[in-house]
Amino acid sequence: PQPCVQCDLQRKGGVTDKKASWVLAAVATAVACSHRRGVRATAVADSAMTKEAWKKKEEEYQRRRQALARTPASAEIPALCSLDRTTFVGEDGLLQIPAAKPEVPASLFAIFGYDEALKYVGISRNSQASLRSHFAKVPQQCKDFAVFDVRKPDRALLEGARQAWFQECGVPPGNDAGAEQSIWETPLAVKPKMAPSELADLESATVEAAAALLREATLRVEATQIELFKEVGCYEQLIFDAKLKAKGLLDLDATAPTGLRRPEGGKQSEAA
């Protein structure tokens, strides 16, 4: 059996019972203090680990919350087939595209062709200007349109709605991220429609002569577009941007008045 500590002290050093008891008490106190320090250190370490764990959980919660906030709820996105369609050209031969409402910061719109197929889906801060511009570029593919307005500038909602429409109807040709989409979204370029001989003359001409050649070609392409407008029954005067025309590009002037019939015999008609 292990000897008694008190007896051992008395035997080795002649320590009295009283002194041995005092020594034992001191040893016990030291052991207890050491134990408390260890417990306290462990508790501090555990507390630090707990705080770090809670911090990570809070960060993860906030990330998920923000992700959910950025993800549009399906209830906010209308099905494309549920939206009313409007015909581009009215019975009076004018475009019937309503002006964008002042309280609407952005819109998502869809364009349908004469075969009733979806042709293009776009996002715009001014749906009227965008729809008129698309019609001027490809009138033969613009029969009807539908518009979804948002009341707050929510890009995630608009992008979510566009993807939902793609899933509903398939990705239309005008959103192919390639040449077809470029036709819908960029000004109509005149030079690709010029003959090789015209392009050669353009390259070798002086600055003034080149400008005259490009202006002549631009007017010719503009006249071709006007004939396309007539083919789909549109007799509105669609005014192209003069600065772009000087560069050999055709796109509508967004600041030009709307609702004007194309002049006949050079006479300007009044706004409808």
C-alpha atoms as a PDB file:
ATOM      1  CA  PRO A   1       0.000   0.000   0.000  1.00  0.00           C
ATOM      2  CA  GLN A   2       1.080   3.596  -0.705  1.00  0.00           C
ATOM      3  CA  PRO A   3       2.424   5.291   2.468  1.00  0.00           C
ATOM      4  CA  CYS A   4       0.549   8.187   4.065  1.00  0.00           C
ATOM      5  CA  VAL A   5       2.002  11.533   3.063  1.00  0.00           C
ATOM      6  CA  GLN A   6       1.714  12.915   6.566  1.00  0.00           C
ATOM      7  CA  CYS A   7       3.535   9.903   8.085  1.00  0.00           C
ATOM      8  CA  ASP A   8       6.234  10.155   5.460  1.00  0.00           C
ATOM      9  CA  LEU A   9       6.820  13.795   6.291  1.00  0.00           C
ATOM     10  CA  GLN A  10       7.055  13.036   9.989  1.00  0.00           C
ATOM     11  CA  ARG A  11       9.435  10.166   9.385  1.00  0.00           C
ATOM     12  CA  LYS A  12      11.820  12.055   7.074  1.00  0.00           C
ATOM     13  CA  GLY A  13      11.949  15.443   8.645  1.00  0.00           C
ATOM     14  CA  GLY A  14      10.604  15.051  12.091  1.00  0.00           C
ATOM     15  CA  VAL A  15       7.672  17.223  11.186  1.00  0.00           C
ATOM     16  CA  THR A  16       4.981  17.597  13.830  1.00  0.00           C
ATOM     17  CA  ASP A  17       1.390  16.697  13.171  1.00  0.00           C
ATOM     18  CA  LYS A  18       0.439  20.338  13.095  1.00  0.00           C
ATOM     19  CA  LYS A  19       3.147  21.273  10.611  1.00  0.00           C
ATOM     20  CA  ALA A  20       2.404  18.270   8.429  1.00  0.00           C
ATOM     21  CA  SER A  21      -1.228  19.205   8.320  1.00  0.00           C
ATOM     22  CA  TRP A  22      -0.267  22.718   7.272  1.00  0.00           C
ATOM     23  CA  VAL A  23       1.960  21.389   4.493  1.00  0.00           C
ATOM     24  CA  LEU A  24      -0.765  19.082   3.261  1.00  0.00           C
ATOM     25  CA  ALA A  25      -3.222  21.937   3.241  1.00  0.00           C
ATOM     26  CA  ALA A  26      -0.804  24.087   1.224  1.00  0.00           C
ATOM     27  CA  VAL A  27      -0.263  21.273  -1.265  1.00  0.00           C
ATOM     28  CA  ALA A  28      -3.982  20.712  -1.602  1.00  0.00           C
ATOM     29  CA  THR A  29      -4.539  24.431  -2.139  1.00  0.00           C
ATOM     30  CA  ALA A  30      -1.862  24.555  -4.829  1.00  0.00           C
ATOM     31  CA  VAL A  31      -3.375  21.553  -6.580  1.00  0.00           C
ATOM     32  CA  ALA A  32      -6.825  23.100  -6.407  1.00  0.00           C
ATOM     33  CA  CYS A  33      -5.569  26.427  -7.791  1.00  0.00           C
ATOM     34  CA  SER A  34      -3.760  24.649 -10.585  1.00  0.00           C
ATOM     35  CA  HIS A  35      -6.913  22.741 -11.380  1.00  0.00           C
ATOM     36  CA  ARG A  36      -8.981  25.941 -11.387  1.00  0.00           C
ATOM     37  CA  ARG A  37      -6.476  27.632 -13.695  1.00  0.00           C
ATOM     38  CA  GLY A  38      -6.670  24.686 -16.042  1.00  0.00           C
ATOM     39  CA  VAL A  39     -10.449  24.713 -15.960  1.00  0.00           C
ATOM     40  CA  ARG A  40     -10.473  28.462 -16.520  1.00  0.00           C
ATOM     41  CA  ALA A  41      -8.068  28.199 -19.479  1.00  0.00           C
ATOM     42  CA  THR A  42     -10.155  25.405 -20.963  1.00  0.00           C
ATOM     43  CA  ALA A  43     -13.302  27.452 -20.492  1.00  0.00           C
ATOM     44  CA  VAL A  44     -11.728  30.477 -22.181  1.00  0.00           C
ATOM     45  CA  ALA A  45     -10.568  28.323 -25.086  1.00  0.00           C
ATOM     46  CA  ASP A  46     -13.986  26.717 -25.371  1.00  0.00           C
ATOM     47  CA  SER A  47     -15.628  30.153 -25.275  1.00  0.00           C
ATOM     48  CA  ALA A  48     -13.365  31.430 -28.054  1.00  0.00           C
ATOM     49  CA  MET A  49     -14.120  28.372 -30.182  1.00  0.00           C
ATOM     50  CA  THR A  50     -17.842  28.814 -29.549  1.00  0.00           C
ATOM     51  CA  LYS A  51     -17.725  32.490 -30.559  1.00  0.00           C
ATOM     52  CA  GLU A  52     -15.819  31.628 -33.731  1.00  0.00           C
ATOM     53  CA  ALA A  53     -18.318  28.896 -34.579  1.00  0.00           C
ATOM     54  CA  TRP A  54     -21.250  31.277 -34.038  1.00  0.00           C
ATOM     55  CA  LYS A  55     -19.524  33.909 -36.145  1.00  0.00           C
ATOM     56  CA  LYS A  56     -19.135  31.460 -39.036  1.00  0.00           C
ATOM     57  CA  LYS A  57     -22.767  30.375 -38.706  1.00  0.00           C
ATOM     58  CA  GLU A  58     -23.897  34.013 -38.739  1.00  0.00           C
ATOM     59  CA  GLU A  59     -21.808  34.743 -41.851  1.00  0.00           C
ATOM     60  CA  GLU A  60     -23.219  31.685 -43.601  1.00  0.00           C
ATOM     61  CA  TYR A  61     -26.754  32.727 -42.643  1.00  0.00           C
ATOM     62  CA  GLN A  62     -26.238  36.230 -44.024  1.00  0.00           C
ATOM     63  CA  ARG A  63     -24.805  34.816 -47.278  1.00  0.00           C
ATOM     64  CA  ARG A  64     -27.835  32.586 -47.750  1.00  0.00           C
ATOM     65  CA  ARG A  65     -30.177  35.414 -46.876  1.00  0.00           C
ATOM     66  CA  GLN A  66     -28.562  37.712 -49.424  1.00  0.00           C
ATOM     67  CA  ALA A  67     -28.646  34.973 -52.065  1.00  0.00           C
ATOM     68  CA  LEU A  68     -32.351  34.446 -51.441  1.00  0.00           C
ATOM     69  CA  ALA A  69     -32.930  38.187 -51.660  1.00  0.00           C
ATOM     70  CA  ARG A  70     -31.221  38.251 -55.062  1.00  0.00           C
ATOM     71  CA  THR A  71     -33.231  35.308 -56.350  1.00  0.00           C
ATOM     72  CA  PRO A  72     -36.625  36.384 -57.684  1.00  0.00           C
ATOM     73  CA  ALA A  73     -39.607  34.506 -56.349  1.00  0.00           C
ATOM     74  CA  SER A  74     -41.431  32.558 -59.041  1.00  0.00           C
ATOM     75  CA  ALA A  75     -44.652  34.273 -57.997  1.00  0.00           C
ATOM     76  CA  GLU A  76     -43.173  37.597 -59.159  1.00  0.00           C
ATOM     77  CA  ILE A  77     -42.445  36.329 -62.662  1.00  0.00           C
ATOM     78  CA  PRO A  78     -45.454  36.095 -64.984  1.00  0.00           C
ATOM     79  CA  ALA A  79     -45.608  33.382 -67.592  1.00  0.00           C
ATOM     80  CA  LEU A  80     -45.058  34.846 -71.042  1.00  0.00           C
ATOM     81  CA  CYS A  81     -48.210  33.185 -72.323  1.00  0.00           C
ATOM     82  CA  SER A  82     -50.216  35.001 -69.614  1.00  0.00           C
ATOM     83  CA  LEU A  83     -49.262  38.491 -70.843  1.00  0.00           C
ATOM     84  CA  ASP A  84     -51.373  40.428 -73.302  1.00  0.00           C
ATOM     85  CA  ARG A  85     -49.876  40.899 -76.745  1.00  0.00           C
ATOM     86  CA  THR A  86     -50.050  44.104 -78.748  1.00  0.00           C
ATOM     87  CA  THR A  87     -49.686  44.311 -82.519  1.00  0.00           C
ATOM     88  CA  PHE A  88     -46.851  46.564 -83.644  1.00  0.00           C
ATOM     89  CA  VAL A  89     -48.787  48.194 -86.495  1.00  0.00           C
ATOM     90  CA  GLY A  90     -52.309  49.420 -85.940  1.00  0.00           C
ATOM     91  CA  GLU A  91     -55.114  49.599 -88.482  1.00  0.00           C
ATOM     92  CA  ASP A  92     -54.176  53.235 -89.115  1.00  0.00           C
ATOM     93  CA  GLY A  93     -50.717  52.196 -90.289  1.00  0.00           C
ATOM     94  CA  LEU A  94     -48.967  53.693 -87.248  1.00  0.00           C
ATOM     95  CA  LEU A  95     -46.944  51.929 -84.611  1.00  0.00           C
ATOM     96  CA  GLN A  96     -48.999  51.403 -81.475  1.00  0.00           C
ATOM     97  CA  ILE A  97     -46.233  51.089 -78.933  1.00  0.00           C
ATOM     98  CA  PRO A  98     -47.178  52.956 -75.745  1.00  0.00           C
ATOM     99  CA  ALA A  99     -44.769  55.338 -74.072  1.00  0.00           C
ATOM    100  CA  ALA A 100     -42.872  53.953 -71.092  1.00  0.00           C
ATOM    101  CA  LYS A 101     -44.496  54.933 -67.796  1.00  0.00           C
ATOM    102  CA  PRO A 102     -42.491  57.360 -65.641  1.00  0.00           C
ATOM    103  CA  GLU A 103     -42.835  55.136 -62.571  1.00  0.00           C
ATOM    104  CA  VAL A 104     -41.404  52.119 -64.416  1.00  0.00           C
ATOM    105  CA  PRO A 105     -37.583  52.029 -64.160  1.00  0.00           C
ATOM    106  CA  ALA A 106     -37.148  48.997 -66.448  1.00  0.00           C
ATOM    107  CA  SER A 107     -39.085  46.485 -68.509  1.00  0.00           C
ATOM    108  CA  LEU A 108     -38.718  43.052 -70.023  1.00  0.00           C
ATOM    109  CA  PHE A 109     -40.299  42.601 -73.433  1.00  0.00           C
ATOM    110  CA  ALA A 110     -40.835  39.812 -75.935  1.00  0.00           C
ATOM    111  CA  ILE A 111     -41.255  40.130 -79.707  1.00  0.00           C
ATOM    112  CA  PHE A 112     -43.197  37.625 -81.805  1.00  0.00           C
ATOM    113  CA  GLY A 113     -43.004  37.177 -85.571  1.00  0.00           C
ATOM    114  CA  TYR A 114     -45.671  36.659 -88.202  1.00  0.00           C
ATOM    115  CA  ASP A 115     -45.327  32.915 -87.677  1.00  0.00           C
ATOM    116  CA  GLU A 116     -46.326  33.503 -84.006  1.00  0.00           C
ATOM    117  CA  ALA A 117     -42.897  32.270 -82.851  1.00  0.00           C
ATOM    118  CA  LEU A 118     -40.856  34.093 -80.236  1.00  0.00           C
ATOM    119  CA  LYS A 119     -38.111  36.092 -81.967  1.00  0.00           C
ATOM    120  CA  TYR A 120     -36.406  38.166 -79.291  1.00  0.00           C
ATOM    121  CA  VAL A 121     -36.491  38.969 -75.569  1.00  0.00           C
ATOM    122  CA  GLY A 122     -34.947  42.193 -74.322  1.00  0.00           C
ATOM    123  CA  ILE A 123     -34.516  44.338 -71.220  1.00  0.00           C
ATOM    124  CA  SER A 124     -34.830  48.103 -71.449  1.00  0.00           C
ATOM    125  CA  ARG A 125     -35.193  51.264 -69.385  1.00  0.00           C
ATOM    126  CA  ASN A 126     -37.411  52.642 -72.164  1.00  0.00           C
ATOM    127  CA  SER A 127     -39.529  49.906 -73.695  1.00  0.00           C
ATOM    128  CA  GLN A 128     -41.092  52.180 -76.303  1.00  0.00           C
ATOM    129  CA  ALA A 129     -37.750  53.357 -77.691  1.00  0.00           C
ATOM    130  CA  SER A 130     -36.345  49.817 -77.716  1.00  0.00           C
ATOM    131  CA  LEU A 131     -39.375  48.258 -79.411  1.00  0.00           C
ATOM    132  CA  ARG A 132     -39.464  50.965 -82.083  1.00  0.00           C
ATOM    133  CA  SER A 133     -35.741  50.489 -82.692  1.00  0.00           C
ATOM    134  CA  HIS A 134     -36.111  46.718 -83.101  1.00  0.00           C
ATOM    135  CA  PHE A 135     -39.030  47.197 -85.492  1.00  0.00           C
ATOM    136  CA  ALA A 136     -36.970  49.594 -87.620  1.00  0.00           C
ATOM    137  CA  LYS A 137     -34.167  47.029 -87.907  1.00  0.00           C
ATOM    138  CA  VAL A 138     -36.214  43.885 -88.643  1.00  0.00           C
ATOM    139  CA  PRO A 139     -39.843  44.881 -89.398  1.00  0.00           C
ATOM    140  CA  GLN A 140     -40.524  41.602 -91.185  1.00  0.00           C
ATOM    141  CA  GLN A 141     -40.010  39.749 -87.871  1.00  0.00           C
ATOM    142  CA  CYS A 142     -42.013  42.084 -85.645  1.00  0.00           C
ATOM    143  CA  LYS A 143     -45.728  41.340 -85.509  1.00  0.00           C
ATOM    144  CA  ASP A 144     -46.639  41.402 -81.803  1.00  0.00           C
ATOM    145  CA  PHE A 145     -44.995  42.261 -78.512  1.00  0.00           C
ATOM    146  CA  ALA A 146     -45.593  41.764 -74.794  1.00  0.00           C
ATOM    147  CA  VAL A 147     -44.143  43.855 -71.972  1.00  0.00           C
ATOM    148  CA  PHE A 148     -43.509  43.074 -68.296  1.00  0.00           C
ATOM    149  CA  ASP A 149     -42.826  46.222 -66.243  1.00  0.00           C
ATOM    150  CA  VAL A 150     -41.044  46.211 -62.895  1.00  0.00           C
ATOM    151  CA  ARG A 151     -41.689  48.886 -60.276  1.00  0.00           C
ATOM    152  CA  LYS A 152     -38.212  48.820 -58.780  1.00  0.00           C
ATOM    153  CA  PRO A 153     -34.778  48.546 -60.419  1.00  0.00           C
ATOM    154  CA  ASP A 154     -34.301  44.832 -59.857  1.00  0.00           C
ATOM    155  CA  ARG A 155     -31.859  43.353 -62.354  1.00  0.00           C
ATOM    156  CA  ALA A 156     -32.094  39.922 -60.733  1.00  0.00           C
ATOM    157  CA  LEU A 157     -35.857  39.866 -61.248  1.00  0.00           C
ATOM    158  CA  LEU A 158     -35.532  40.899 -64.899  1.00  0.00           C
ATOM    159  CA  GLU A 159     -32.821  38.332 -65.619  1.00  0.00           C
ATOM    160  CA  GLY A 160     -34.793  35.680 -63.757  1.00  0.00           C
ATOM    161  CA  ALA A 161     -37.896  36.478 -65.781  1.00  0.00           C
ATOM    162  CA  ARG A 162     -35.957  36.329 -69.052  1.00  0.00           C
ATOM    163  CA  GLN A 163     -34.544  32.913 -68.161  1.00  0.00           C
ATOM    164  CA  ALA A 164     -38.036  31.758 -67.153  1.00  0.00           C
ATOM    165  CA  TRP A 165     -39.377  32.838 -70.552  1.00  0.00           C
ATOM    166  CA  PHE A 166     -36.531  31.021 -72.274  1.00  0.00           C
ATOM    167  CA  GLN A 167     -37.470  27.861 -70.378  1.00  0.00           C
ATOM    168  CA  GLU A 168     -41.124  28.386 -71.281  1.00  0.00           C
ATOM    169  CA  CYS A 169     -40.669  29.073 -75.005  1.00  0.00           C
ATOM    170  CA  GLY A 170     -37.066  28.195 -75.800  1.00  0.00           C
ATOM    171  CA  VAL A 171     -34.240  30.623 -76.575  1.00  0.00           C
ATOM    172  CA  PRO A 172     -35.353  32.692 -79.600  1.00  0.00           C
ATOM    173  CA  PRO A 173     -33.083  33.330 -82.600  1.00  0.00           C
ATOM    174  CA  GLY A 174     -32.581  36.956 -81.575  1.00  0.00           C
ATOM    175  CA  ASN A 175     -30.925  35.835 -78.335  1.00  0.00           C
ATOM    176  CA  ASP A 176     -28.459  33.398 -79.867  1.00  0.00           C
ATOM    177  CA  ALA A 177     -25.466  35.410 -78.558  1.00  0.00           C
ATOM    178  CA  GLY A 178     -24.213  35.507 -82.131  1.00  0.00           C
ATOM    179  CA  ALA A 179     -24.847  37.076 -85.525  1.00  0.00           C
ATOM    180  CA  GLU A 180     -28.638  37.013 -85.229  1.00  0.00           C
ATOM    181  CA  GLN A 181     -28.595  38.807 -81.892  1.00  0.00           C
ATOM    182  CA  SER A 182     -26.269  41.420 -83.366  1.00  0.00           C
ATOM    183  CA  ILE A 183     -28.874  42.173 -86.040  1.00  0.00           C
ATOM    184  CA  TRP A 184     -31.449  42.887 -83.352  1.00  0.00           C
ATOM    185  CA  GLU A 185     -29.252  44.912 -81.036  1.00  0.00           C
ATOM    186  CA  THR A 186     -26.823  46.940 -83.160  1.00  0.00           C
ATOM    187  CA  PRO A 187     -27.456  49.684 -85.740  1.00  0.00           C
ATOM    188  CA  LEU A 188     -27.959  48.541 -89.295  1.00  0.00           C
ATOM    189  CA  ALA A 189     -24.577  48.845 -91.047  1.00  0.00           C
ATOM    190  CA  VAL A 190     -24.585  50.174 -94.602  1.00  0.00           C
ATOM    191  CA  LYS A 191     -21.117  49.096 -95.785  1.00  0.00           C
ATOM    192  CA  PRO A 192     -21.879  45.325 -95.761  1.00  0.00           C
ATOM    193  CA  LYS A 193     -24.742  46.091 -98.188  1.00  0.00           C
ATOM    194  CA  MET A 194     -22.523  47.981-100.621  1.00  0.00           C
ATOM    195  CA  ALA A 195     -21.174  46.353-103.775  1.00  0.00           C
ATOM    196  CA  PRO A 196     -17.457  45.437-103.890  1.00  0.00           C
ATOM    197  CA  SER A 197     -16.861  48.130-106.523  1.00  0.00           C
ATOM    198  CA  GLU A 198     -18.502  50.723-104.268  1.00  0.00           C
ATOM    199  CA  LEU A 199     -16.309  49.693-101.358  1.00  0.00           C
ATOM    200  CA  ALA A 200     -13.226  49.965-103.561  1.00  0.00           C
ATOM    201  CA  ASP A 201     -14.234  53.470-104.660  1.00  0.00           C
ATOM    202  CA  LEU A 202     -14.883  54.356-101.021  1.00  0.00           C
ATOM    203  CA  GLU A 203     -11.382  53.312-100.026  1.00  0.00           C
ATOM    204  CA  SER A 204      -9.653  55.272-102.781  1.00  0.00           C
ATOM    205  CA  ALA A 205     -11.786  58.420-102.632  1.00  0.00           C
ATOM    206  CA  THR A 206     -10.933  61.656-100.900  1.00  0.00           C
ATOM    207  CA  VAL A 207     -12.562  62.420 -97.566  1.00  0.00           C
ATOM    208  CA  GLU A 208     -15.272  64.550 -99.168  1.00  0.00           C
ATOM    209  CA  ALA A 209     -15.909  62.076-101.982  1.00  0.00           C
ATOM    210  CA  ALA A 210     -16.002  59.137 -99.557  1.00  0.00           C
ATOM    211  CA  ALA A 211     -18.554  60.935 -97.388  1.00  0.00           C
ATOM    212  CA  ALA A 212     -20.721  61.570-100.473  1.00  0.00           C
ATOM    213  CA  LEU A 213     -20.499  57.910-101.553  1.00  0.00           C
ATOM    214  CA  LEU A 214     -21.396  56.678 -98.068  1.00  0.00           C
ATOM    215  CA  ARG A 215     -24.303  59.121 -97.831  1.00  0.00           C
ATOM    216  CA  GLU A 216     -25.667  57.894-101.164  1.00  0.00           C
ATOM    217  CA  ALA A 217     -25.419  54.253-100.076  1.00  0.00           C
ATOM    218  CA  THR A 218     -27.027  55.075 -96.728  1.00  0.00           C
ATOM    219  CA  LEU A 219     -29.988  56.747 -98.415  1.00  0.00           C
ATOM    220  CA  ARG A 220     -30.400  53.698-100.651  1.00  0.00           C
ATOM    221  CA  VAL A 221     -30.444  51.307 -97.666  1.00  0.00           C
ATOM    222  CA  GLU A 222     -32.828  53.636 -95.834  1.00  0.00           C
ATOM    223  CA  ALA A 223     -35.179  53.547 -98.819  1.00  0.00           C
ATOM    224  CA  THR A 224     -35.043  49.736 -98.727  1.00  0.00           C
ATOM    225  CA  GLN A 225     -36.033  49.775 -95.044  1.00  0.00           C
ATOM    226  CA  ILE A 226     -38.959  52.072 -95.808  1.00  0.00           C
ATOM    227  CA  GLU A 227     -40.189  49.597 -98.402  1.00  0.00           C
ATOM    228  CA  LEU A 228     -40.026  46.879 -95.738  1.00  0.00           C
ATOM    229  CA  PHE A 229     -42.128  49.107 -93.468  1.00  0.00           C
ATOM    230  CA  LYS A 230     -44.732  49.395 -96.214  1.00  0.00           C
ATOM    231  CA  GLU A 231     -44.794  45.630 -96.721  1.00  0.00           C
ATOM    232  CA  VAL A 232     -45.954  45.119 -93.142  1.00  0.00           C
ATOM    233  CA  GLY A 233     -48.449  47.982 -93.365  1.00  0.00           C
ATOM    234  CA  CYS A 234     -46.469  50.616 -91.483  1.00  0.00           C
ATOM    235  CA  TYR A 235     -46.798  54.163 -92.843  1.00  0.00           C
ATOM    236  CA  GLU A 236     -45.407  56.002 -89.854  1.00  0.00           C
ATOM    237  CA  GLN A 237     -42.520  58.363 -90.424  1.00  0.00           C
ATOM    238  CA  LEU A 238     -39.645  56.623 -88.672  1.00  0.00           C
ATOM    239  CA  ILE A 239     -36.748  59.054 -88.438  1.00  0.00           C
ATOM    240  CA  PHE A 240     -33.228  57.660 -88.365  1.00  0.00           C
ATOM    241  CA  ASP A 241     -30.487  59.265 -86.286  1.00  0.00           C
ATOM    242  CA  ALA A 242     -28.660  61.812 -88.475  1.00  0.00           C
ATOM    243  CA  LYS A 243     -25.299  61.437 -86.715  1.00  0.00           C
ATOM    244  CA  LEU A 244     -25.345  57.672 -87.192  1.00  0.00           C
ATOM    245  CA  LYS A 245     -26.381  58.042 -90.829  1.00  0.00           C
ATOM    246  CA  ALA A 246     -23.256  60.119 -91.441  1.00  0.00           C
ATOM    247  CA  LYS A 247     -21.247  57.115 -90.233  1.00  0.00           C
ATOM    248  CA  GLY A 248     -23.111  54.678 -92.475  1.00  0.00           C
ATOM    249  CA  LEU A 249     -25.324  53.306 -89.687  1.00  0.00           C
ATOM    250  CA  LEU A 250     -29.107  53.228 -89.380  1.00  0.00           C
ATOM    251  CA  ASP A 251     -30.950  53.342 -86.081  1.00  0.00           C
ATOM    252  CA  LEU A 252     -33.976  55.328 -84.995  1.00  0.00           C
ATOM    253  CA  ASP A 253     -33.618  58.715 -83.405  1.00  0.00           C
ATOM    254  CA  ALA A 254     -35.032  58.118 -79.912  1.00  0.00           C
ATOM    255  CA  THR A 255     -35.756  61.845 -79.505  1.00  0.00           C
ATOM    256  CA  ALA A 256     -37.803  62.151 -82.716  1.00  0.00           C
ATOM    257  CA  PRO A 257     -41.567  62.629 -82.425  1.00  0.00           C
ATOM    258  CA  THR A 258     -43.817  59.595 -82.771  1.00  0.00           C
ATOM    259  CA  GLY A 259     -47.215  59.152 -84.382  1.00  0.00           C
ATOM    260  CA  LEU A 260     -46.409  61.010 -87.619  1.00  0.00           C
ATOM    261  CA  ARG A 261     -47.479  59.607 -90.965  1.00  0.00           C
ATOM    262  CA  ARG A 262     -44.821  59.410 -93.640  1.00  0.00           C
ATOM    263  CA  PRO A 263     -45.157  62.422 -95.958  1.00  0.00           C
ATOM    264  CA  GLU A 264     -46.669  61.784 -99.335  1.00  0.00           C
ATOM    265  CA  GLY A 265     -45.367  63.937-102.141  1.00  0.00           C
ATOM    266  CA  GLY A 266     -42.959  65.657 -99.791  1.00  0.00           C
ATOM    267  CA  LYS A 267     -45.711  67.103 -97.607  1.00  0.00           C
ATOM    268  CA  GLN A 268     -45.365  66.609 -93.854  1.00  0.00           C
ATOM    269  CA  SER A 269     -48.562  65.391 -92.214  1.00  0.00           C
ATOM    270  CA  GLU A 270     -49.698  66.311 -88.719  1.00  0.00           C
ATOM    271  CA  ALA A 271     -49.229  63.998 -85.759  1.00  0.00           C
ATOM    272  CA  ALA A 272     -51.941  61.430 -85.376  1.00  0.00           C
END
